[in-house]
C-alpha atoms as a PDB file:
ATOM      1  CA  MET A   1      -0.022   0.004   0.007  1.00  0.00           C
ATOM      2  CA  TYR A   2       2.841   2.361   0.780  1.00  0.00           C
ATOM      3  CA  TRP A   3       4.465   1.627  -2.544  1.00  0.00           C
ATOM      4  CA  LEU A   4       1.307   2.860  -4.337  1.00  0.00           C
ATOM      5  CA  LEU A   5       1.475   6.184  -2.402  1.00  0.00           C
ATOM      6  CA  ALA A   6       5.185   6.487  -3.208  1.00  0.00           C
ATOM      7  CA  LEU A   7       4.530   5.948  -6.935  1.00  0.00           C
ATOM      8  CA  THR A   8       1.955   8.742  -6.985  1.00  0.00           C
ATOM      9  CA  LEU A   9       4.043  11.256  -5.029  1.00  0.00           C
ATOM     10  CA  LEU A  10       7.372  10.557  -6.747  1.00  0.00           C
ATOM     11  CA  PRO A  11       6.547  12.076 -10.191  1.00  0.00           C
ATOM     12  CA  THR A  12       4.967  15.187  -8.656  1.00  0.00           C
ATOM     13  CA  ALA A  13       8.005  15.852  -6.481  1.00  0.00           C
ATOM     14  CA  ALA A  14      10.347  15.456  -9.494  1.00  0.00           C
ATOM     15  CA  PHE A  15       8.316  17.920 -11.576  1.00  0.00           C
ATOM     16  CA  ALA A  16       7.980  20.433  -8.811  1.00  0.00           C
ATOM     17  CA  ASN A  17      11.734  20.916  -8.552  1.00  0.00           C
ATOM     18  CA  ALA A  18      12.404  20.946 -12.288  1.00  0.00           C
ATOM     19  CA  GLY A  19      10.047  23.659 -13.596  1.00  0.00           C
ATOM     20  CA  GLY A  20      10.441  26.492 -11.182  1.00  0.00           C
ATOM     21  CA  PRO A  21       7.779  28.681  -9.696  1.00  0.00           C
ATOM     22  CA  GLY A  22       4.576  29.517 -11.560  1.00  0.00           C
ATOM     23  CA  PHE A  23       1.665  27.939 -13.358  1.00  0.00           C
ATOM     24  CA  ASP A  24       2.102  26.179 -16.700  1.00  0.00           C
ATOM     25  CA  VAL A  25      -0.862  26.671 -19.058  1.00  0.00           C
ATOM     26  CA  MET A  26       0.326  23.856 -21.340  1.00  0.00           C
ATOM     27  CA  SER A  27      -0.463  21.315 -18.624  1.00  0.00           C
ATOM     28  CA  LEU A  28      -4.198  22.126 -19.010  1.00  0.00           C
ATOM     29  CA  LEU A  29      -4.179  21.716 -22.804  1.00  0.00           C
ATOM     30  CA  PRO A  30      -4.828  17.922 -22.797  1.00  0.00           C
ATOM     31  CA  ILE A  31      -7.749  18.306 -20.438  1.00  0.00           C
ATOM     32  CA  VAL A  32      -9.283  21.072 -22.541  1.00  0.00           C
ATOM     33  CA  LEU A  33      -8.848  18.983 -25.690  1.00  0.00           C
ATOM     34  CA  ILE A  34     -10.594  16.037 -24.047  1.00  0.00           C
ATOM     35  CA  PHE A  35     -13.624  18.240 -23.218  1.00  0.00           C
ATOM     36  CA  VAL A  36     -13.708  19.644 -26.760  1.00  0.00           C
ATOM     37  CA  VAL A  37     -13.663  16.159 -28.253  1.00  0.00           C
ATOM     38  CA  PHE A  38     -16.385  15.017 -25.854  1.00  0.00           C
ATOM     39  CA  TYR A  39     -18.557  17.989 -26.821  1.00  0.00           C
ATOM     40  CA  PHE A  40     -18.286  17.429 -30.567  1.00  0.00           C
ATOM     41  CA  LEU A  41     -18.430  13.642 -30.576  1.00  0.00           C
ATOM     42  CA  LEU A  42     -20.929  12.945 -27.761  1.00  0.00           C
ATOM     43  CA  LEU A  43     -22.852  15.893 -26.401  1.00  0.00           C
ATOM     44  CA  ARG A  44     -23.687  17.831 -29.570  1.00  0.00           C
ATOM     45  CA  PRO A  45     -25.086  14.850 -31.545  1.00  0.00           C
ATOM     46  CA  GLN A  46     -27.081  13.744 -28.504  1.00  0.00           C
ATOM     47  CA  GLN A  47     -28.604  17.228 -28.194  1.00  0.00           C
ATOM     48  CA  ALA A  48     -29.526  17.258 -31.879  1.00  0.00           C
ATOM     49  CA  LYS A  49     -31.127  13.797 -31.535  1.00  0.00           C
ATOM     50  CA  MET A  50     -33.154  14.927 -28.536  1.00  0.00           C
ATOM     51  CA  LYS A  51     -34.315  18.056 -30.377  1.00  0.00           C
ATOM     52  CA  LYS A  52     -35.412  15.971 -33.396  1.00  0.00           C
ATOM     53  CA  HIS A  53     -37.310  13.536 -31.127  1.00  0.00           C
ATOM     54  CA  GLN A  54     -39.074  16.402 -29.340  1.00  0.00           C
ATOM     55  CA  GLU A  55     -40.069  17.940 -32.692  1.00  0.00           C
ATOM     56  CA  MET A  56     -41.454  14.540 -33.827  1.00  0.00           C
ATOM     57  CA  LEU A  57     -43.533  14.296 -30.611  1.00  0.00           C
ATOM     58  CA  ASN A  58     -44.846  17.851 -31.071  1.00  0.00           C
ATOM     59  CA  ASN A  59     -45.947  17.074 -34.657  1.00  0.00           C
ATOM     60  CA  LEU A  60     -47.799  13.896 -33.592  1.00  0.00           C
ATOM     61  CA  HIS A  61     -51.419  13.801 -34.883  1.00  0.00           C
ATOM     62  CA  ARG A  62     -54.395  11.507 -34.663  1.00  0.00           C
ATOM     63  CA  GLY A  63     -54.139   8.679 -37.140  1.00  0.00           C
ATOM     64  CA  ASP A  64     -50.334   8.438 -37.122  1.00  0.00           C
ATOM     65  CA  LYS A  65     -48.954   4.909 -36.964  1.00  0.00           C
ATOM     66  CA  VAL A  66     -46.205   4.781 -34.314  1.00  0.00           C
ATOM     67  CA  VAL A  67     -43.816   2.416 -32.564  1.00  0.00           C
ATOM     68  CA  THR A  68     -43.271   2.695 -28.830  1.00  0.00           C
ATOM     69  CA  ALA A  69     -39.992   2.064 -27.028  1.00  0.00           C
ATOM     70  CA  GLY A  70     -41.363  -1.324 -25.938  1.00  0.00           C
ATOM     71  CA  GLY A  71     -41.951  -2.349 -29.540  1.00  0.00           C
ATOM     72  CA  ILE A  72     -45.717  -1.928 -29.624  1.00  0.00           C
ATOM     73  CA  ILE A  73     -47.083  -0.746 -32.986  1.00  0.00           C
ATOM     74  CA  GLY A  74     -50.287   1.220 -32.870  1.00  0.00           C
ATOM     75  CA  THR A  75     -52.284   4.093 -34.294  1.00  0.00           C
ATOM     76  CA  VAL A  76     -52.734   7.330 -32.336  1.00  0.00           C
ATOM     77  CA  SER A  77     -56.437   7.545 -31.611  1.00  0.00           C
ATOM     78  CA  LYS A  78     -56.392  10.475 -29.200  1.00  0.00           C
ATOM     79  CA  ILE A  79     -53.915  12.891 -27.707  1.00  0.00           C
ATOM     80  CA  ASN A  80     -55.017  13.146 -24.078  1.00  0.00           C
ATOM     81  CA  THR A  81     -52.515  15.646 -22.611  1.00  0.00           C
ATOM     82  CA  ASP A  82     -49.106  17.046 -23.457  1.00  0.00           C
ATOM     83  CA  THR A  83     -47.512  13.937 -21.958  1.00  0.00           C
ATOM     84  CA  GLU A  84     -50.046  11.187 -22.751  1.00  0.00           C
ATOM     85  CA  VAL A  85     -51.584   9.677 -25.877  1.00  0.00           C
ATOM     86  CA  MET A  86     -54.120   6.924 -26.550  1.00  0.00           C
ATOM     87  CA  LEU A  87     -52.912   4.222 -28.951  1.00  0.00           C
ATOM     88  CA  GLU A  88     -55.173   1.745 -30.683  1.00  0.00           C
ATOM     89  CA  ILE A  89     -53.180  -1.457 -31.062  1.00  0.00           C
ATOM     90  CA  ASP A  90     -56.012  -3.633 -32.349  1.00  0.00           C
ATOM     91  CA  ASP A  91     -59.744  -3.306 -33.016  1.00  0.00           C
ATOM     92  CA  ASN A  92     -61.294  -1.880 -29.832  1.00  0.00           C
ATOM     93  CA  VAL A  93     -58.058  -2.297 -27.883  1.00  0.00           C
ATOM     94  CA  ARG A  94     -56.687   1.032 -26.686  1.00  0.00           C
ATOM     95  CA  VAL A  95     -53.811   1.762 -24.318  1.00  0.00           C
ATOM     96  CA  ARG A  96     -52.602   4.937 -22.707  1.00  0.00           C
ATOM     97  CA  VAL A  97     -48.938   5.605 -23.441  1.00  0.00           C
ATOM     98  CA  VAL A  98     -46.564   8.258 -22.166  1.00  0.00           C
ATOM     99  CA  LYS A  99     -45.794  10.432 -25.189  1.00  0.00           C
ATOM    100  CA  SER A 100     -42.036  10.443 -24.692  1.00  0.00           C
ATOM    101  CA  MET A 101     -41.996   6.625 -25.023  1.00  0.00           C
ATOM    102  CA  ILE A 102     -42.929   6.892 -28.706  1.00  0.00           C
ATOM    103  CA  SER A 103     -39.737   6.159 -30.526  1.00  0.00           C
ATOM    104  CA  GLU A 104     -40.716   6.348 -34.185  1.00  0.00           C
ATOM    105  CA  VAL A 105     -43.554   7.512 -36.442  1.00  0.00           C
ATOM    106  CA  MET A 106     -43.978   4.938 -39.201  1.00  0.00           C
ATOM    107  CA  THR A 107     -46.655   6.675 -41.270  1.00  0.00           C
ATOM    108  CA  LYS A 108     -47.937  10.218 -41.038  1.00  0.00           C
ATOM    109  CA  SER A 109     -51.594  10.998 -41.542  1.00  0.00           C
ATOM    110  CA  GLU A 110     -53.186  14.236 -42.570  1.00  0.00           C
ATOM    111  CA  PRO A 111     -54.154  16.301 -39.517  1.00  0.00           C
ATOM    112  CA  VAL A 112     -57.857  16.345 -38.860  1.00  0.00           C
ATOM    113  CA  SER A 113     -59.263  19.751 -39.707  1.00  0.00           C
ATOM    114  CA  GLN A 114     -62.673  21.365 -40.126  1.00  0.00           C
ATOM    115  CA  SER A 115     -62.662  20.922 -43.912  1.00  0.00           C
ATOM    116  CA  ASN A 116     -62.055  17.172 -43.638  1.00  0.00           C
ATOM    117  CA  ASN A 117     -65.152  16.688 -41.504  1.00  0.00           C
ATOM    118  CA  VAL A 118     -67.569  18.006 -44.171  1.00  0.00           C
ATOM    119  CA  THR A 119     -69.220  15.183 -46.058  1.00  0.00           C
ATOM    120  CA  THR A 120     -70.891  15.707 -49.406  1.00  0.00           C
ATOM    121  CA  LEU A 121     -73.848  13.681 -50.571  1.00  0.00           C
ATOM    122  CA  PRO A 122     -74.050  12.546 -54.193  1.00  0.00           C
ATOM    123  CA  ASN A 123     -76.128  14.819 -56.373  1.00  0.00           C
ATOM    124  CA  PRO A 124     -78.544  12.928 -58.680  1.00  0.00           C
ATOM    125  CA  ALA A 125     -78.244  15.679 -61.254  1.00  0.00           C
ATOM    126  CA  ASN A 126     -74.502  14.931 -61.603  1.00  0.00           C
ATOM    127  CA  LYS A 127     -74.876  11.270 -62.608  1.00  0.00           C
ATOM    128  CA  ALA A 128     -73.418  11.964 -66.017  1.00  0.00           C
ATOM    129  CA  THR A 129     -70.311  13.514 -64.546  1.00  0.00           C
ATOM    130  CA  SER A 130     -69.895  10.791 -61.982  1.00  0.00           C
ATOM    131  CA  SER A 131     -70.033   8.105 -64.673  1.00  0.00           C
ATOM    132  CA  ALA A 132     -67.576  10.096 -66.758  1.00  0.00           C
ATOM    133  CA  THR A 133     -65.130  10.248 -63.837  1.00  0.00           C
ATOM    134  CA  LYS A 134     -65.515   6.508 -63.303  1.00  0.00           C
ATOM    135  CA  ALA A 135     -64.601   5.879 -66.928  1.00  0.00           C
ATOM    136  CA  ALA A 136     -61.590   8.146 -66.580  1.00  0.00           C
ATOM    137  CA  THR A 137     -59.478   5.394 -65.094  1.00  0.00           C
ATOM    138  CA  PRO A 138     -56.968   4.066 -67.689  1.00  0.00           C
ATOM    139  CA  ALA A 139     -58.386   0.498 -67.879  1.00  0.00           C
ATOM    140  CA  LYS A 140     -61.967   1.676 -68.274  1.00  0.00           C
ATOM    141  CA  ALA A 141     -60.974   4.353 -70.768  1.00  0.00           C
ATOM    142  CA  LYS A 142     -59.407   1.683 -73.035  1.00  0.00           C
ATOM    143  CA  LEU A 143     -62.554  -0.470 -72.826  1.00  0.00           C
ATOM    144  CA  ALA A 144     -64.754   2.530 -73.524  1.00  0.00           C
ATOM    145  CA  ALA A 145     -62.703   3.420 -76.590  1.00  0.00           C
ATOM    146  CA  LYS A 146     -63.029  -0.128 -78.035  1.00  0.00           C
ATOM    147  CA  ALA A 147     -66.769  -0.534 -77.332  1.00  0.00           C
ATOM    148  CA  PRO A 148     -69.073   0.200 -80.238  1.00  0.00           C
ATOM    149  CA  VAL A 149     -71.112   3.329 -79.911  1.00  0.00           C
ATOM    150  CA  LYS A 150     -74.873   2.784 -79.912  1.00  0.00           C
ATOM    151  CA  THR A 151     -76.956   5.552 -81.378  1.00  0.00           C
ATOM    152  CA  LYS A 152     -80.721   5.819 -81.669  1.00  0.00           C
ATOM    153  CA  LYS A 153     -82.082   6.204 -85.123  1.00  0.00           C
ATOM    154  CA  THR A 154     -84.879   8.706 -85.424  1.00  0.00           C
ATOM    155  CA  PRO A 155     -87.441   8.175 -88.125  1.00  0.00           C
ATOM    156  CA  SER A 156     -87.060  10.637 -90.897  1.00  0.00           C
ATOM    157  CA  LYS A 157     -90.032  12.463 -92.346  1.00  0.00           C
ATOM    158  CA  LYS A 158     -90.641  11.856 -96.023  1.00  0.00           C
END
């Protein structure tokens, strides 16, 4: 045990007599370099990752498909508070999850707005336009082009 104490004090006693009085700034340079490397390699990327995760949680909407930290995949059915969401993991199976435990958003949905809630009923007067839009698909358009056109003959007056 005494030999360990002697090994730690021996180098400091040798350097104390060799340098002379005063403080050497160069002795702090390795410590400063270690902190700079830690900042750029560890702290800064971690802060950027946390900021990106927080931004993802703030942009979470109803209908988004997410993965929790525990590996549960579900759809956001309701955002209860700033820290809690309701996930639907199966039909009629909902669980409350802490918002910060959502690790990834798999698919984004359109946010629910007032204009999306308006439903329009089909107008009987627009049947011609609705059939025209149905025939506008490429497969139906080809079939419509090949089909013979039926016309009604009107009797002519002699």
